[in-house]
Amino acid sequence: MTVATTYQVTGMTCGHCESAVKAELSQLPGVHDVQVDLSTGGVTITSNGPLPIDEVRTAVDEAGYTLAGQST
């Protein structure tokens, strides 16, 4: 079962920010795709199933940004 979940991430302002967030989140087990929308701060993760919010938060923190919440 593939799941797409959108999160809000604060602090991203450029292509480097986008790359850093994508790189960290892509390493989470079961993640197939990560899409970042810099204009809204939205990050959509497509994965095998729901991801633990703590793992997503840790990955975003490692990239240097803040997970502000889950949109969907």
N, C-alpha and C. Protein backbone atom coordinates (compact mmCIF):
# COMPACT_ATOMS: atom_id res chain seq x y z
N MET A 1 0.84 -1.18 0.00
CA MET A 1 0.00 0.00 0.00
C MET A 1 0.89 1.24 0.00
N THR A 2 0.75 2.06 -1.02
CA THR A 2 1.54 3.29 -1.11
C THR A 2 0.76 4.44 -0.50
N VAL A 3 1.45 5.25 0.30
CA VAL A 3 0.83 6.37 1.00
C VAL A 3 1.59 7.65 0.67
N ALA A 4 0.87 8.72 0.37
CA ALA A 4 1.47 10.04 0.17
C ALA A 4 1.01 10.94 1.31
N THR A 5 1.98 11.47 2.04
CA THR A 5 1.69 12.33 3.18
C THR A 5 2.42 13.65 3.01
N THR A 6 1.72 14.75 3.29
CA THR A 6 2.33 16.07 3.16
C THR A 6 2.57 16.67 4.53
N TYR A 7 3.76 17.22 4.69
CA TYR A 7 4.18 17.86 5.94
C TYR A 7 4.54 19.31 5.65
N GLN A 8 4.52 20.14 6.67
CA GLN A 8 4.97 21.52 6.56
C GLN A 8 6.36 21.62 7.21
N VAL A 9 7.29 22.18 6.46
CA VAL A 9 8.66 22.36 6.94
C VAL A 9 9.00 23.84 6.85
N THR A 10 9.53 24.40 7.93
CA THR A 10 9.88 25.81 7.94
C THR A 10 11.38 26.00 7.79
N GLY A 11 11.76 27.14 7.21
CA GLY A 11 13.15 27.51 7.09
C GLY A 11 13.75 27.27 5.71
N MET A 12 13.05 26.60 4.81
CA MET A 12 13.57 26.33 3.47
C MET A 12 13.40 27.57 2.59
N THR A 13 14.48 27.97 1.91
CA THR A 13 14.40 29.17 1.07
C THR A 13 15.02 29.01 -0.31
N CYS A 14 15.73 27.89 -0.57
CA CYS A 14 16.45 27.79 -1.84
C CYS A 14 16.58 26.33 -2.29
N GLY A 15 17.21 26.16 -3.43
CA GLY A 15 17.42 24.82 -3.97
C GLY A 15 18.27 23.94 -3.07
N HIS A 16 19.24 24.53 -2.40
CA HIS A 16 20.07 23.75 -1.47
C HIS A 16 19.22 23.21 -0.33
N CYS A 17 18.32 24.05 0.18
CA CYS A 17 17.40 23.62 1.24
C CYS A 17 16.58 22.42 0.77
N GLU A 18 16.04 22.54 -0.42
CA GLU A 18 15.22 21.47 -1.01
C GLU A 18 16.03 20.18 -1.11
N SER A 19 17.25 20.28 -1.60
CA SER A 19 18.11 19.10 -1.76
C SER A 19 18.43 18.45 -0.42
N ALA A 20 18.72 19.27 0.59
CA ALA A 20 19.07 18.74 1.91
C ALA A 20 17.90 17.98 2.52
N VAL A 21 16.70 18.55 2.42
CA VAL A 21 15.51 17.90 2.98
C VAL A 21 15.21 16.61 2.23
N LYS A 22 15.27 16.66 0.89
CA LYS A 22 15.02 15.47 0.08
C LYS A 22 16.01 14.36 0.43
N ALA A 23 17.28 14.70 0.56
CA ALA A 23 18.31 13.70 0.83
C ALA A 23 18.06 13.00 2.16
N GLU A 24 17.76 13.76 3.20
CA GLU A 24 17.53 13.15 4.52
C GLU A 24 16.27 12.29 4.54
N LEU A 25 15.18 12.81 3.99
CA LEU A 25 13.92 12.06 4.02
C LEU A 25 13.96 10.83 3.13
N SER A 26 14.70 10.89 2.04
CA SER A 26 14.80 9.75 1.12
C SER A 26 15.48 8.55 1.77
N GLN A 27 16.24 8.79 2.83
CA GLN A 27 16.95 7.70 3.51
C GLN A 27 16.05 6.92 4.47
N LEU A 28 14.87 7.43 4.76
CA LEU A 28 13.97 6.72 5.67
C LEU A 28 13.48 5.43 5.00
N PRO A 29 13.40 4.35 5.77
CA PRO A 29 12.95 3.07 5.21
C PRO A 29 11.54 3.17 4.61
N GLY A 30 11.40 2.64 3.39
CA GLY A 30 10.10 2.60 2.73
C GLY A 30 9.75 3.81 1.90
N VAL A 31 10.61 4.86 1.91
CA VAL A 31 10.31 6.08 1.15
C VAL A 31 10.65 5.85 -0.32
N HIS A 32 9.68 6.18 -1.20
CA HIS A 32 9.87 6.04 -2.65
C HIS A 32 10.19 7.37 -3.31
N ASP A 33 9.58 8.44 -2.80
CA ASP A 33 9.72 9.74 -3.47
C ASP A 33 9.50 10.85 -2.45
N VAL A 34 10.21 11.97 -2.66
CA VAL A 34 10.04 13.16 -1.82
C VAL A 34 9.93 14.35 -2.75
N GLN A 35 8.85 15.11 -2.62
CA GLN A 35 8.63 16.32 -3.41
C GLN A 35 8.57 17.51 -2.47
N VAL A 36 9.30 18.58 -2.82
CA VAL A 36 9.36 19.78 -1.98
C VAL A 36 8.80 20.96 -2.75
N ASP A 37 7.92 21.73 -2.13
CA ASP A 37 7.40 22.97 -2.70
C ASP A 37 7.91 24.12 -1.84
N LEU A 38 8.95 24.79 -2.33
CA LEU A 38 9.57 25.87 -1.55
C LEU A 38 8.60 27.01 -1.27
N SER A 39 7.69 27.29 -2.19
CA SER A 39 6.79 28.43 -2.01
C SER A 39 5.81 28.24 -0.85
N THR A 40 5.45 26.99 -0.57
CA THR A 40 4.50 26.73 0.52
C THR A 40 5.15 26.08 1.73
N GLY A 41 6.35 25.54 1.55
CA GLY A 41 7.00 24.79 2.63
C GLY A 41 6.47 23.37 2.74
N GLY A 42 5.68 22.97 1.74
CA GLY A 42 5.12 21.62 1.75
C GLY A 42 6.11 20.57 1.29
N VAL A 43 6.14 19.46 1.98
CA VAL A 43 6.99 18.33 1.61
C VAL A 43 6.09 17.10 1.56
N THR A 44 5.98 16.51 0.37
CA THR A 44 5.14 15.32 0.21
C THR A 44 6.03 14.10 0.08
N ILE A 45 5.79 13.14 0.96
CA ILE A 45 6.57 11.91 0.99
C ILE A 45 5.68 10.76 0.54
N THR A 46 6.13 10.01 -0.45
CA THR A 46 5.43 8.82 -0.89
C THR A 46 6.21 7.63 -0.35
N SER A 47 5.50 6.77 0.40
CA SER A 47 6.16 5.65 1.07
C SER A 47 5.28 4.40 1.05
N ASN A 48 5.87 3.30 1.52
CA ASN A 48 5.14 2.03 1.57
C ASN A 48 3.97 2.06 2.53
N GLY A 49 4.04 2.91 3.53
CA GLY A 49 2.99 3.02 4.53
C GLY A 49 3.24 4.26 5.37
N PRO A 50 2.41 4.49 6.36
CA PRO A 50 2.60 5.66 7.22
C PRO A 50 3.97 5.63 7.90
N LEU A 51 4.61 6.79 7.96
CA LEU A 51 5.92 6.91 8.61
C LEU A 51 5.73 7.45 10.03
N PRO A 52 6.53 6.95 10.96
CA PRO A 52 6.47 7.51 12.32
C PRO A 52 6.88 8.98 12.30
N ILE A 53 6.06 9.84 12.88
CA ILE A 53 6.31 11.28 12.86
C ILE A 53 7.66 11.62 13.48
N ASP A 54 8.09 10.86 14.48
CA ASP A 54 9.38 11.13 15.11
C ASP A 54 10.53 10.92 14.13
N GLU A 55 10.42 9.92 13.25
CA GLU A 55 11.46 9.67 12.25
C GLU A 55 11.50 10.79 11.22
N VAL A 56 10.33 11.26 10.81
CA VAL A 56 10.27 12.36 9.85
C VAL A 56 10.86 13.62 10.49
N ARG A 57 10.49 13.90 11.72
CA ARG A 57 11.00 15.08 12.44
C ARG A 57 12.53 15.02 12.57
N THR A 58 13.06 13.86 12.93
CA THR A 58 14.50 13.71 13.08
C THR A 58 15.22 13.94 11.76
N ALA A 59 14.68 13.41 10.66
CA ALA A 59 15.30 13.60 9.34
C ALA A 59 15.30 15.07 8.94
N VAL A 60 14.19 15.76 9.18
CA VAL A 60 14.10 17.19 8.85
C VAL A 60 15.08 17.98 9.72
N ASP A 61 15.16 17.63 11.00
CA ASP A 61 16.12 18.28 11.91
C ASP A 61 17.55 18.07 11.42
N GLU A 62 17.88 16.86 10.98
CA GLU A 62 19.22 16.55 10.48
C GLU A 62 19.56 17.42 9.27
N ALA A 63 18.54 17.74 8.46
CA ALA A 63 18.76 18.58 7.29
C ALA A 63 18.94 20.06 7.68
N GLY A 64 18.59 20.39 8.93
CA GLY A 64 18.75 21.75 9.40
C GLY A 64 17.49 22.60 9.39
N TYR A 65 16.33 21.93 9.32
CA TYR A 65 15.07 22.66 9.24
C TYR A 65 14.11 22.16 10.31
N THR A 66 12.90 22.73 10.34
CA THR A 66 11.95 22.40 11.40
C THR A 66 10.67 21.84 10.81
N LEU A 67 10.24 20.70 11.33
CA LEU A 67 8.96 20.13 10.93
C LEU A 67 7.87 20.86 11.71
N ALA A 68 7.00 21.59 10.98
CA ALA A 68 5.98 22.40 11.62
C ALA A 68 4.67 21.64 11.80
N GLY A 69 4.50 20.54 11.07
CA GLY A 69 3.28 19.77 11.21
C GLY A 69 2.99 18.91 10.02
N GLN A 70 1.91 18.18 10.10
CA GLN A 70 1.47 17.29 9.03
C GLN A 70 0.22 17.89 8.41
N SER A 71 0.22 18.01 7.08
CA SER A 71 -0.92 18.62 6.39
C SER A 71 -2.00 17.60 6.09
N THR A 72 -1.60 16.42 5.62
CA THR A 72 -2.59 15.39 5.26
C THR A 72 -2.13 14.06 5.76
